[in-house]
C-alpha cells in the first residue's frame, strides 16, 4: 500500500538548479519522499507558468512551472497542487521539484 503521509520536515532545505537557489525553507512538507516548499519560500523570479498537468489519485491535479535561470529553462521542473484532494490539503500551492533540481538540507 502506498504511503500517503503528509509530514512536516524538521530540516532546513534548499532547492538549487544551475547554481541558483530556487527555494529555501525550514517549513517544507514531505510527501512520498519529496519536499514541498511553502509558496512564500520560493524565489518567484525563476518560475514561469507551464501548460503541463498530471493527476495523482490521492493528491489530485498537479500544475507545473518551468524553471528559468539566466537564459536556460528547465521545462516542468516544479509542480504544485492548486486544488488538492482532501487527503493532501496541507500541500495546497506548495512547490516540489524534479528534472535535475537538487533538493538538499542546507549546509
PDB file of N, CA and C in Angstrom:
ATOM      1  N   UNK A   1       0.842  -1.183   0.000  1.00  0.00           N
ATOM      2  CA  UNK A   1       0.000   0.000   0.000  1.00  0.00           C
ATOM      3  C   UNK A   1       0.889   1.248   0.000  1.00  0.00           C
ATOM      4  N   UNK A   2       0.612   2.227  -0.859  1.00  0.00           N
ATOM      5  CA  UNK A   2       1.440   3.436  -0.925  1.00  0.00           C
ATOM      6  C   UNK A   2       1.352   4.263   0.353  1.00  0.00           C
ATOM      7  N   UNK A   3       2.414   5.001   0.619  1.00  0.00           N
ATOM      8  CA  UNK A   3       2.477   5.871   1.786  1.00  0.00           C
ATOM      9  C   UNK A   3       1.837   7.211   1.437  1.00  0.00           C
ATOM     10  N   UNK A   4       0.709   7.520   2.047  1.00  0.00           N
ATOM     11  CA  UNK A   4       0.017   8.770   1.797  1.00  0.00           C
ATOM     12  C   UNK A   4       0.233   9.766   2.937  1.00  0.00           C
ATOM     13  N   UNK A   5       1.373   9.653   3.625  1.00  0.00           N
ATOM     14  CA  UNK A   5       1.607  10.567   4.734  1.00  0.00           C
ATOM     15  C   UNK A   5       2.041  11.939   4.213  1.00  0.00           C
ATOM     16  N   UNK A   6       1.621  12.952   4.940  1.00  0.00           N
ATOM     17  CA  UNK A   6       1.951  14.343   4.657  1.00  0.00           C
ATOM     18  C   UNK A   6       2.599  14.846   5.946  1.00  0.00           C
ATOM     19  N   UNK A   7       3.960  14.894   5.961  1.00  0.00           N
ATOM     20  CA  UNK A   7       4.709  15.092   7.192  1.00  0.00           C
ATOM     21  C   UNK A   7       5.564  16.356   7.156  1.00  0.00           C
ATOM     22  N   UNK A   8       5.387  17.256   8.122  1.00  0.00           N
ATOM     23  CA  UNK A   8       6.278  18.420   8.183  1.00  0.00           C
ATOM     24  C   UNK A   8       7.718  17.964   8.413  1.00  0.00           C
ATOM     25  N   UNK A   9       8.654  18.616   7.730  1.00  0.00           N
ATOM     26  CA  UNK A   9      10.064  18.292   7.888  1.00  0.00           C
ATOM     27  C   UNK A   9      10.662  19.129   9.016  1.00  0.00           C
ATOM     28  N   UNK A  10      11.666  18.572   9.699  1.00  0.00           N
ATOM     29  CA  UNK A  10      12.365  19.326  10.738  1.00  0.00           C
ATOM     30  C   UNK A  10      13.714  19.832  10.223  1.00  0.00           C
ATOM     31  N   UNK A  11      13.919  19.808   8.898  1.00  0.00           N
ATOM     32  CA  UNK A  11      15.193  20.210   8.294  1.00  0.00           C
ATOM     33  C   UNK A  11      15.053  21.523   7.532  1.00  0.00           C
ATOM     34  N   UNK A  12      16.158  22.247   7.450  1.00  0.00           N
ATOM     35  CA  UNK A  12      16.239  23.420   6.581  1.00  0.00           C
ATOM     36  C   UNK A  12      16.680  22.889   5.216  1.00  0.00           C
ATOM     37  N   UNK A  13      15.915  23.170   4.173  1.00  0.00           N
ATOM     38  CA  UNK A  13      16.127  22.552   2.864  1.00  0.00           C
ATOM     39  C   UNK A  13      16.223  23.636   1.791  1.00  0.00           C
ATOM     40  N   UNK A  14      17.095  23.389   0.791  1.00  0.00           N
ATOM     41  CA  UNK A  14      17.180  24.285  -0.357  1.00  0.00           C
ATOM     42  C   UNK A  14      16.946  23.495  -1.641  1.00  0.00           C
ATOM     43  N   UNK A  15      16.437  24.186  -2.649  1.00  0.00           N
ATOM     44  CA  UNK A  15      16.300  23.624  -3.994  1.00  0.00           C
ATOM     45  C   UNK A  15      17.170  24.480  -4.912  1.00  0.00           C
ATOM     46  N   UNK A  16      18.081  23.828  -5.654  1.00  0.00           N
ATOM     47  CA  UNK A  16      19.058  24.537  -6.470  1.00  0.00           C
ATOM     48  C   UNK A  16      19.091  23.958  -7.871  1.00  0.00           C
ATOM     49  N   UNK A  17      19.211  24.837  -8.851  1.00  0.00           N
ATOM     50  CA  UNK A  17      19.393  24.404 -10.245  1.00  0.00           C
ATOM     51  C   UNK A  17      20.317  25.386 -10.936  1.00  0.00           C
ATOM     52  N   UNK A  18      21.290  24.865 -11.666  1.00  0.00           N
ATOM     53  CA  UNK A  18      22.273  25.690 -12.382  1.00  0.00           C
ATOM     54  C   UNK A  18      22.952  26.703 -11.458  1.00  0.00           C
ATOM     55  N   UNK A  19      23.248  26.264 -10.233  1.00  0.00           N
ATOM     56  CA  UNK A  19      23.964  27.105  -9.284  1.00  0.00           C
ATOM     57  C   UNK A  19      23.128  28.196  -8.635  1.00  0.00           C
ATOM     58  N   UNK A  20      21.822  28.183  -8.867  1.00  0.00           N
ATOM     59  CA  UNK A  20      20.935  29.215  -8.317  1.00  0.00           C
ATOM     60  C   UNK A  20      19.932  28.598  -7.354  1.00  0.00           C
ATOM     61  N   UNK A  21      19.778  29.209  -6.186  1.00  0.00           N
ATOM     62  CA  UNK A  21      18.799  28.740  -5.212  1.00  0.00           C
ATOM     63  C   UNK A  21      17.406  29.156  -5.680  1.00  0.00           C
ATOM     64  N   UNK A  22      16.543  28.165  -5.856  1.00  0.00           N
ATOM     65  CA  UNK A  22      15.162  28.401  -6.284  1.00  0.00           C
ATOM     66  C   UNK A  22      14.210  28.521  -5.108  1.00  0.00           C
ATOM     67  N   UNK A  23      14.529  27.808  -4.022  1.00  0.00           N
ATOM     68  CA  UNK A  23      13.687  27.804  -2.831  1.00  0.00           C
ATOM     69  C   UNK A  23      14.556  27.492  -1.623  1.00  0.00           C
ATOM     70  N   UNK A  24      14.165  28.031  -0.480  1.00  0.00           N
ATOM     71  CA  UNK A  24      14.934  27.881   0.747  1.00  0.00           C
ATOM     72  C   UNK A  24      13.940  27.930   1.904  1.00  0.00           C
ATOM     73  N   UNK A  25      13.870  26.866   2.703  1.00  0.00           N
ATOM     74  CA  UNK A  25      12.830  26.829   3.728  1.00  0.00           C
ATOM     75  C   UNK A  25      13.169  25.888   4.874  1.00  0.00           C
ATOM     76  N   UNK A  26      12.637  26.213   6.048  1.00  0.00           N
ATOM     77  CA  UNK A  26      12.673  25.277   7.176  1.00  0.00           C
ATOM     78  C   UNK A  26      11.249  24.843   7.507  1.00  0.00           C
ATOM     79  N   UNK A  27      10.344  25.002   6.502  1.00  0.00           N
ATOM     80  CA  UNK A  27       8.933  24.652   6.704  1.00  0.00           C
ATOM     81  C   UNK A  27       8.397  23.761   5.587  1.00  0.00           C
ATOM     82  N   UNK A  28       9.244  22.913   5.013  1.00  0.00           N
ATOM     83  CA  UNK A  28       8.758  22.035   3.950  1.00  0.00           C
ATOM     84  C   UNK A  28       7.879  20.930   4.529  1.00  0.00           C
ATOM     85  N   UNK A  29       7.115  20.320   3.644  1.00  0.00           N
ATOM     86  CA  UNK A  29       6.294  19.162   3.997  1.00  0.00           C
ATOM     87  C   UNK A  29       6.729  18.026   3.080  1.00  0.00           C
ATOM     88  N   UNK A  30       6.996  16.856   3.663  1.00  0.00           N
ATOM     89  CA  UNK A  30       7.472  15.716   2.883  1.00  0.00           C
ATOM     90  C   UNK A  30       6.302  14.810   2.520  1.00  0.00           C
ATOM     91  N   UNK A  31       6.176  14.538   1.227  1.00  0.00           N
ATOM     92  CA  UNK A  31       5.148  13.646   0.702  1.00  0.00           C
ATOM     93  C   UNK A  31       5.836  12.729  -0.306  1.00  0.00           C
ATOM     94  N   UNK A  32       5.722  11.438  -0.091  1.00  0.00           N
ATOM     95  CA  UNK A  32       6.315  10.441  -0.986  1.00  0.00           C
ATOM     96  C   UNK A  32       7.792  10.732  -1.275  1.00  0.00           C
ATOM     97  N   UNK A  33       8.517  11.172  -0.244  1.00  0.00           N
ATOM     98  CA  UNK A  33       9.946  11.429  -0.372  1.00  0.00           C
ATOM     99  C   UNK A  33      10.307  12.768  -0.985  1.00  0.00           C
ATOM    100  N   UNK A  34       9.328  13.561  -1.387  1.00  0.00           N
ATOM    101  CA  UNK A  34       9.580  14.874  -1.978  1.00  0.00           C
ATOM    102  C   UNK A  34       9.303  15.979  -0.965  1.00  0.00           C
ATOM    103  N   UNK A  35      10.211  16.958  -0.902  1.00  0.00           N
ATOM    104  CA  UNK A  35       9.993  18.135  -0.069  1.00  0.00           C
ATOM    105  C   UNK A  35       9.142  19.125  -0.847  1.00  0.00           C
ATOM    106  N   UNK A  36       8.022  19.521  -0.272  1.00  0.00           N
ATOM    107  CA  UNK A  36       7.152  20.550  -0.850  1.00  0.00           C
ATOM    108  C   UNK A  36       7.415  21.854  -0.090  1.00  0.00           C
ATOM    109  N   UNK A  37       7.797  22.891  -0.836  1.00  0.00           N
ATOM    110  CA  UNK A  37       8.149  24.178  -0.253  1.00  0.00           C
ATOM    111  C   UNK A  37       6.933  25.096  -0.175  1.00  0.00           C
ATOM    112  N   UNK A  38       6.770  25.814   0.949  1.00  0.00           N
ATOM    113  CA  UNK A  38       5.678  26.793   1.026  1.00  0.00           C
ATOM    114  C   UNK A  38       5.838  27.824  -0.098  1.00  0.00           C
ATOM    115  N   UNK A  39       4.729  28.288  -0.669  1.00  0.00           N
ATOM    116  CA  UNK A  39       4.833  29.217  -1.801  1.00  0.00           C
ATOM    117  C   UNK A  39       5.606  30.491  -1.469  1.00  0.00           C
ATOM    118  N   UNK A  40       5.558  30.949  -0.227  1.00  0.00           N
ATOM    119  CA  UNK A  40       6.287  32.167   0.138  1.00  0.00           C
ATOM    120  C   UNK A  40       7.791  31.946   0.235  1.00  0.00           C
ATOM    121  N   UNK A  41       8.260  30.686   0.190  1.00  0.00           N
ATOM    122  CA  UNK A  41       9.687  30.392   0.305  1.00  0.00           C
ATOM    123  C   UNK A  41      10.352  30.059  -1.032  1.00  0.00           C
ATOM    124  N   UNK A  42       9.641  30.253  -2.143  1.00  0.00           N
ATOM    125  CA  UNK A  42      10.271  30.063  -3.447  1.00  0.00           C
ATOM    126  C   UNK A  42      10.633  31.434  -4.019  1.00  0.00           C
ATOM    127  N   UNK A  43      11.634  31.471  -4.867  1.00  0.00           N
ATOM    128  CA  UNK A  43      12.068  32.718  -5.498  1.00  0.00           C
ATOM    129  C   UNK A  43      11.329  32.860  -6.820  1.00  0.00           C
ATOM    130  N   UNK A  44      10.213  33.543  -6.758  1.00  0.00           N
ATOM    131  CA  UNK A  44       9.247  33.639  -7.872  1.00  0.00           C
ATOM    132  C   UNK A  44       9.863  34.085  -9.195  1.00  0.00           C
ATOM    133  N   UNK A  45      10.922  34.859  -9.141  1.00  0.00           N
ATOM    134  CA  UNK A  45      11.506  35.357 -10.391  1.00  0.00           C
ATOM    135  C   UNK A  45      12.041  34.243 -11.286  1.00  0.00           C
ATOM    136  N   UNK A  46      12.196  33.030 -10.739  1.00  0.00           N
ATOM    137  CA  UNK A  46      12.709  31.898 -11.515  1.00  0.00           C
ATOM    138  C   UNK A  46      11.613  30.955 -12.015  1.00  0.00           C
ATOM    139  N   UNK A  47      10.352  31.304 -11.807  1.00  0.00           N
ATOM    140  CA  UNK A  47       9.243  30.409 -12.145  1.00  0.00           C
ATOM    141  C   UNK A  47       8.357  31.009 -13.229  1.00  0.00           C
ATOM    142  N   UNK A  48       8.008  30.161 -14.204  1.00  0.00           N
ATOM    143  CA  UNK A  48       7.094  30.545 -15.287  1.00  0.00           C
ATOM    144  C   UNK A  48       5.983  29.506 -15.345  1.00  0.00           C
ATOM    145  N   UNK A  49       4.754  29.949 -15.527  1.00  0.00           N
ATOM    146  CA  UNK A  49       3.648  29.003 -15.658  1.00  0.00           C
ATOM    147  C   UNK A  49       3.884  28.081 -16.843  1.00  0.00           C
ATOM    148  N   UNK A  50       3.472  26.830 -16.690  1.00  0.00           N
ATOM    149  CA  UNK A  50       3.603  25.812 -17.735  1.00  0.00           C
ATOM    150  C   UNK A  50       2.214  25.293 -18.079  1.00  0.00           C
ATOM    151  N   UNK A  51       2.065  24.781 -19.282  1.00  0.00           N
ATOM    152  CA  UNK A  51       0.798  24.153 -19.678  1.00  0.00           C
ATOM    153  C   UNK A  51       0.728  22.698 -19.236  1.00  0.00           C
ATOM    154  N   UNK A  52       1.786  22.191 -18.622  1.00  0.00           N
ATOM    155  CA  UNK A  52       1.865  20.783 -18.218  1.00  0.00           C
ATOM    156  C   UNK A  52       0.991  20.523 -16.985  1.00  0.00           C
ATOM    157  N   UNK A  53       0.317  19.381 -16.995  1.00  0.00           N
ATOM    158  CA  UNK A  53      -0.508  18.946 -15.864  1.00  0.00           C
ATOM    159  C   UNK A  53      -0.395  17.428 -15.734  1.00  0.00           C
ATOM    160  N   UNK A  54      -0.646  16.930 -14.537  1.00  0.00           N
ATOM    161  CA  UNK A  54      -0.711  15.487 -14.307  1.00  0.00           C
ATOM    162  C   UNK A  54      -1.750  15.240 -13.215  1.00  0.00           C
ATOM    163  N   UNK A  55      -2.033  13.978 -12.961  1.00  0.00           N
ATOM    164  CA  UNK A  55      -3.045  13.652 -11.960  1.00  0.00           C
ATOM    165  C   UNK A  55      -2.548  12.551 -11.048  1.00  0.00           C
ATOM    166  N   UNK A  56      -2.727  12.729  -9.756  1.00  0.00           N
ATOM    167  CA  UNK A  56      -2.434  11.716  -8.742  1.00  0.00           C
ATOM    168  C   UNK A  56      -3.762  11.313  -8.114  1.00  0.00           C
ATOM    169  N   UNK A  57      -4.035   9.994  -7.991  1.00  0.00           N
ATOM    170  CA  UNK A  57      -5.326   9.556  -7.460  1.00  0.00           C
ATOM    171  C   UNK A  57      -5.628  10.025  -6.040  1.00  0.00           C
ATOM    172  N   UNK A  58      -4.616  10.318  -5.230  1.00  0.00           N
ATOM    173  CA  UNK A  58      -4.924  10.753  -3.865  1.00  0.00           C
ATOM    174  C   UNK A  58      -4.581  12.218  -3.592  1.00  0.00           C
ATOM    175  N   UNK A  59      -3.766  12.849  -4.472  1.00  0.00           N
ATOM    176  CA  UNK A  59      -3.448  14.276  -4.289  1.00  0.00           C
ATOM    177  C   UNK A  59      -4.261  15.165  -5.228  1.00  0.00           C
ATOM    178  N   UNK A  60      -4.620  14.657  -6.391  1.00  0.00           N
ATOM    179  CA  UNK A  60      -5.419  15.446  -7.323  1.00  0.00           C
ATOM    180  C   UNK A  60      -4.627  15.901  -8.531  1.00  0.00           C
ATOM    181  N   UNK A  61      -5.079  16.979  -9.158  1.00  0.00           N
ATOM    182  CA  UNK A  61      -4.466  17.500 -10.379  1.00  0.00           C
ATOM    183  C   UNK A  61      -3.295  18.409 -10.026  1.00  0.00           C
ATOM    184  N   UNK A  62      -2.129  18.119 -10.622  1.00  0.00           N
ATOM    185  CA  UNK A  62      -0.929  18.931 -10.418  1.00  0.00           C
ATOM    186  C   UNK A  62      -0.742  19.879 -11.592  1.00  0.00           C
ATOM    187  N   UNK A  63      -0.296  21.075 -11.276  1.00  0.00           N
ATOM    188  CA  UNK A  63       0.128  22.041 -12.281  1.00  0.00           C
ATOM    189  C   UNK A  63       1.645  22.174 -12.165  1.00  0.00           C
ATOM    190  N   UNK A  64       2.274  22.655 -13.241  1.00  0.00           N
ATOM    191  CA  UNK A  64       3.733  22.720 -13.292  1.00  0.00           C
ATOM    192  C   UNK A  64       4.229  24.127 -13.567  1.00  0.00           C
ATOM    193  N   UNK A  65       5.474  24.350 -13.172  1.00  0.00           N
ATOM    194  CA  UNK A  65       6.203  25.564 -13.517  1.00  0.00           C
ATOM    195  C   UNK A  65       7.428  25.167 -14.332  1.00  0.00           C
ATOM    196  N   UNK A  66       7.790  25.992 -15.295  1.00  0.00           N
ATOM    197  CA  UNK A  66       9.107  25.922 -15.899  1.00  0.00           C
ATOM    198  C   UNK A  66      10.018  26.742 -14.995  1.00  0.00           C
ATOM    199  N   UNK A  67      11.259  26.281 -14.826  1.00  0.00           N
ATOM    200  CA  UNK A  67      12.227  26.992 -14.007  1.00  0.00           C
ATOM    201  C   UNK A  67      13.213  27.685 -14.950  1.00  0.00           C
ATOM    202  N   UNK A  68      13.442  28.970 -14.734  1.00  0.00           N
ATOM    203  CA  UNK A  68      14.333  29.745 -15.595  1.00  0.00           C
ATOM    204  C   UNK A  68      15.460  30.365 -14.772  1.00  0.00           C
ATOM    205  N   UNK A  69      16.693  30.105 -15.216  1.00  0.00           N
ATOM    206  CA  UNK A  69      17.871  30.704 -14.592  1.00  0.00           C
ATOM    207  C   UNK A  69      18.716  31.266 -15.726  1.00  0.00           C
ATOM    208  N   UNK A  70      18.936  32.567 -15.689  1.00  0.00           N
ATOM    209  CA  UNK A  70      19.623  33.266 -16.770  1.00  0.00           C
ATOM    210  C   UNK A  70      18.879  32.970 -18.076  1.00  0.00           C
ATOM    211  N   UNK A  71      19.549  32.434 -19.069  1.00  0.00           N
ATOM    212  CA  UNK A  71      18.869  32.166 -20.346  1.00  0.00           C
ATOM    213  C   UNK A  71      18.450  30.700 -20.490  1.00  0.00           C
ATOM    214  N   UNK A  72      18.639  29.896 -19.441  1.00  0.00           N
ATOM    215  CA  UNK A  72      18.295  28.480 -19.521  1.00  0.00           C
ATOM    216  C   UNK A  72      16.951  28.203 -18.850  1.00  0.00           C
ATOM    217  N   UNK A  73      16.189  27.283 -19.463  1.00  0.00           N
ATOM    218  CA  UNK A  73      14.869  26.925 -18.942  1.00  0.00           C
ATOM    219  C   UNK A  73      14.791  25.420 -18.741  1.00  0.00           C
ATOM    220  N   UNK A  74      14.317  25.009 -17.584  1.00  0.00           N
ATOM    221  CA  UNK A  74      14.101  23.599 -17.258  1.00  0.00           C
ATOM    222  C   UNK A  74      12.582  23.410 -17.242  1.00  0.00           C
ATOM    223  N   UNK A  75      12.057  22.882 -18.322  1.00  0.00           N
ATOM    224  CA  UNK A  75      10.608  22.795 -18.511  1.00  0.00           C
ATOM    225  C   UNK A  75       9.955  21.798 -17.537  1.00  0.00           C
ATOM    226  N   UNK A  76       8.905  22.261 -16.869  1.00  0.00           N
ATOM    227  CA  UNK A  76       8.140  21.404 -15.966  1.00  0.00           C
ATOM    228  C   UNK A  76       8.920  20.891 -14.773  1.00  0.00           C
ATOM    229  N   UNK A  77       9.936  21.632 -14.329  1.00  0.00           N
ATOM    230  CA  UNK A  77      10.818  21.147 -13.258  1.00  0.00           C
ATOM    231  C   UNK A  77      10.233  21.300 -11.858  1.00  0.00           C
ATOM    232  N   UNK A  78       9.121  22.003 -11.742  1.00  0.00           N
ATOM    233  CA  UNK A  78       8.478  22.187 -10.439  1.00  0.00           C
ATOM    234  C   UNK A  78       6.986  21.931 -10.592  1.00  0.00           C
ATOM    235  N   UNK A  79       6.380  21.382  -9.544  1.00  0.00           N
ATOM    236  CA  UNK A  79       4.937  21.137  -9.600  1.00  0.00           C
ATOM    237  C   UNK A  79       4.287  21.498  -8.275  1.00  0.00           C
ATOM    238  N   UNK A  80       2.980  21.692  -8.355  1.00  0.00           N
ATOM    239  CA  UNK A  80       2.197  22.045  -7.168  1.00  0.00           C
ATOM    240  C   UNK A  80       0.747  21.624  -7.400  1.00  0.00           C
ATOM    241  N   UNK A  81      -0.011  21.608  -6.316  1.00  0.00           N
ATOM    242  CA  UNK A  81      -1.421  21.219  -6.371  1.00  0.00           C
ATOM    243  C   UNK A  81      -2.273  22.425  -5.969  1.00  0.00           C
ATOM    244  N   UNK A  82      -2.860  23.143  -6.947  1.00  0.00           N
ATOM    245  CA  UNK A  82      -3.664  24.318  -6.606  1.00  0.00           C
ATOM    246  C   UNK A  82      -4.995  23.963  -5.944  1.00  0.00           C
ATOM    247  N   UNK A  83      -5.517  22.784  -6.227  1.00  0.00           N
ATOM    248  CA  UNK A  83      -6.787  22.330  -5.634  1.00  0.00           C
ATOM    249  C   UNK A  83      -6.641  20.854  -5.229  1.00  0.00           C
ATOM    250  N   UNK A  84      -5.804  20.563  -4.218  1.00  0.00           N
ATOM    251  CA  UNK A  84      -5.572  19.163  -3.865  1.00  0.00           C
ATOM    252  C   UNK A  84      -6.817  18.495  -3.301  1.00  0.00           C
ATOM    253  N   UNK A  85      -6.836  17.179  -3.403  1.00  0.00           N
ATOM    254  CA  UNK A  85      -7.899  16.408  -2.769  1.00  0.00           C
ATOM    255  C   UNK A  85      -7.729  16.505  -1.252  1.00  0.00           C
ATOM    256  N   UNK A  86      -8.761  16.145  -0.520  1.00  0.00           N
ATOM    257  CA  UNK A  86      -8.790  16.338   0.933  1.00  0.00           C
ATOM    258  C   UNK A  86      -7.582  15.727   1.644  1.00  0.00           C
ATOM    259  N   UNK A  87      -7.181  14.546   1.228  1.00  0.00           N
ATOM    260  CA  UNK A  87      -6.083  13.843   1.901  1.00  0.00           C
ATOM    261  C   UNK A  87      -4.752  14.616   1.814  1.00  0.00           C
ATOM    262  N   UNK A  88      -4.614  15.459   0.796  1.00  0.00           N
ATOM    263  CA  UNK A  88      -3.378  16.219   0.586  1.00  0.00           C
ATOM    264  C   UNK A  88      -3.585  17.721   0.763  1.00  0.00           C
ATOM    265  N   UNK A  89      -4.639  18.125   1.426  1.00  0.00           N
ATOM    266  CA  UNK A  89      -4.993  19.545   1.539  1.00  0.00           C
ATOM    267  C   UNK A  89      -3.867  20.407   2.107  1.00  0.00           C
ATOM    268  N   UNK A  90      -3.025  19.849   2.948  1.00  0.00           N
ATOM    269  CA  UNK A  90      -1.942  20.621   3.583  1.00  0.00           C
ATOM    270  C   UNK A  90      -0.894  21.108   2.597  1.00  0.00           C
ATOM    271  N   UNK A  91      -0.824  20.507   1.398  1.00  0.00           N
ATOM    272  CA  UNK A  91       0.203  20.941   0.440  1.00  0.00           C
ATOM    273  C   UNK A  91      -0.360  21.856  -0.651  1.00  0.00           C
ATOM    274  N   UNK A  92      -1.531  22.400  -0.444  1.00  0.00           N
ATOM    275  CA  UNK A  92      -2.106  23.340  -1.424  1.00  0.00           C
ATOM    276  C   UNK A  92      -1.080  24.434  -1.745  1.00  0.00           C
ATOM    277  N   UNK A  93      -0.749  24.559  -3.038  1.00  0.00           N
ATOM    278  CA  UNK A  93       0.170  25.577  -3.566  1.00  0.00           C
ATOM    279  C   UNK A  93       1.628  25.403  -3.133  1.00  0.00           C
ATOM    280  N   UNK A  94       1.944  24.390  -2.348  1.00  0.00           N
ATOM    281  CA  UNK A  94       3.346  24.111  -2.015  1.00  0.00           C
ATOM    282  C   UNK A  94       4.027  23.550  -3.267  1.00  0.00           C
ATOM    283  N   UNK A  95       5.321  23.832  -3.426  1.00  0.00           N
ATOM    284  CA  UNK A  95       6.033  23.520  -4.667  1.00  0.00           C
ATOM    285  C   UNK A  95       7.094  22.447  -4.425  1.00  0.00           C
ATOM    286  N   UNK A  96       7.108  21.421  -5.301  1.00  0.00           N
ATOM    287  CA  UNK A  96       8.114  20.361  -5.257  1.00  0.00           C
ATOM    288  C   UNK A  96       8.886  20.370  -6.583  1.00  0.00           C
ATOM    289  N   UNK A  97      10.022  19.673  -6.597  1.00  0.00           N
ATOM    290  CA  UNK A  97      10.931  19.747  -7.745  1.00  0.00           C
ATOM    291  C   UNK A  97      11.382  18.378  -8.221  1.00  0.00           C
ATOM    292  N   UNK A  98      11.818  18.341  -9.483  1.00  0.00           N
ATOM    293  CA  UNK A  98      12.455  17.172 -10.100  1.00  0.00           C
ATOM    294  C   UNK A  98      13.207  17.652 -11.324  1.00  0.00           C
ATOM    295  N   UNK A  99      13.520  16.751 -12.261  1.00  0.00           N
ATOM    296  CA  UNK A  99      14.196  17.077 -13.528  1.00  0.00           C
ATOM    297  C   UNK A  99      15.503  17.840 -13.321  1.00  0.00           C
ATOM    298  N   UNK A 100      16.327  17.324 -12.404  1.00  0.00           N
ATOM    299  CA  UNK A 100      17.662  17.884 -12.212  1.00  0.00           C
ATOM    300  C   UNK A 100      17.788  18.955 -11.148  1.00  0.00           C
ATOM    301  N   UNK A 101      16.687  19.378 -10.554  1.00  0.00           N
ATOM    302  CA  UNK A 101      16.759  20.341  -9.460  1.00  0.00           C
ATOM    303  C   UNK A 101      17.207  19.575  -8.212  1.00  0.00           C
ATOM    304  N   UNK A 102      18.268  20.059  -7.559  1.00  0.00           N
ATOM    305  CA  UNK A 102      18.794  19.401  -6.364  1.00  0.00           C
ATOM    306  C   UNK A 102      18.075  19.943  -5.129  1.00  0.00           C
ATOM    307  N   UNK A 103      17.471  19.037  -4.368  1.00  0.00           N
ATOM    308  CA  UNK A 103      16.795  19.407  -3.128  1.00  0.00           C
ATOM    309  C   UNK A 103      17.601  18.769  -1.997  1.00  0.00           C
ATOM    310  N   UNK A 104      18.232  19.623  -1.181  1.00  0.00           N
ATOM    311  CA  UNK A 104      19.143  19.110  -0.159  1.00  0.00           C
ATOM    312  C   UNK A 104      19.017  19.907   1.134  1.00  0.00           C
ATOM    313  N   UNK A 105      19.338  19.244   2.259  1.00  0.00           N
ATOM    314  CA  UNK A 105      19.419  20.001   3.520  1.00  0.00           C
ATOM    315  C   UNK A 105      20.490  21.087   3.397  1.00  0.00           C
ATOM    316  N   UNK A 106      20.220  22.256   3.931  1.00  0.00           N
ATOM    317  CA  UNK A 106      21.179  23.367   3.873  1.00  0.00           C
ATOM    318  C   UNK A 106      22.405  23.037   4.707  1.00  0.00           C
ATOM    319  N   UNK A 107      23.535  23.525   4.258  1.00  0.00           N
ATOM    320  CA  UNK A 107      24.801  23.271   4.976  1.00  0.00           C
ATOM    321  C   UNK A 107      24.914  24.163   6.191  1.00  0.00           C
TER     322      UNK A 107
END
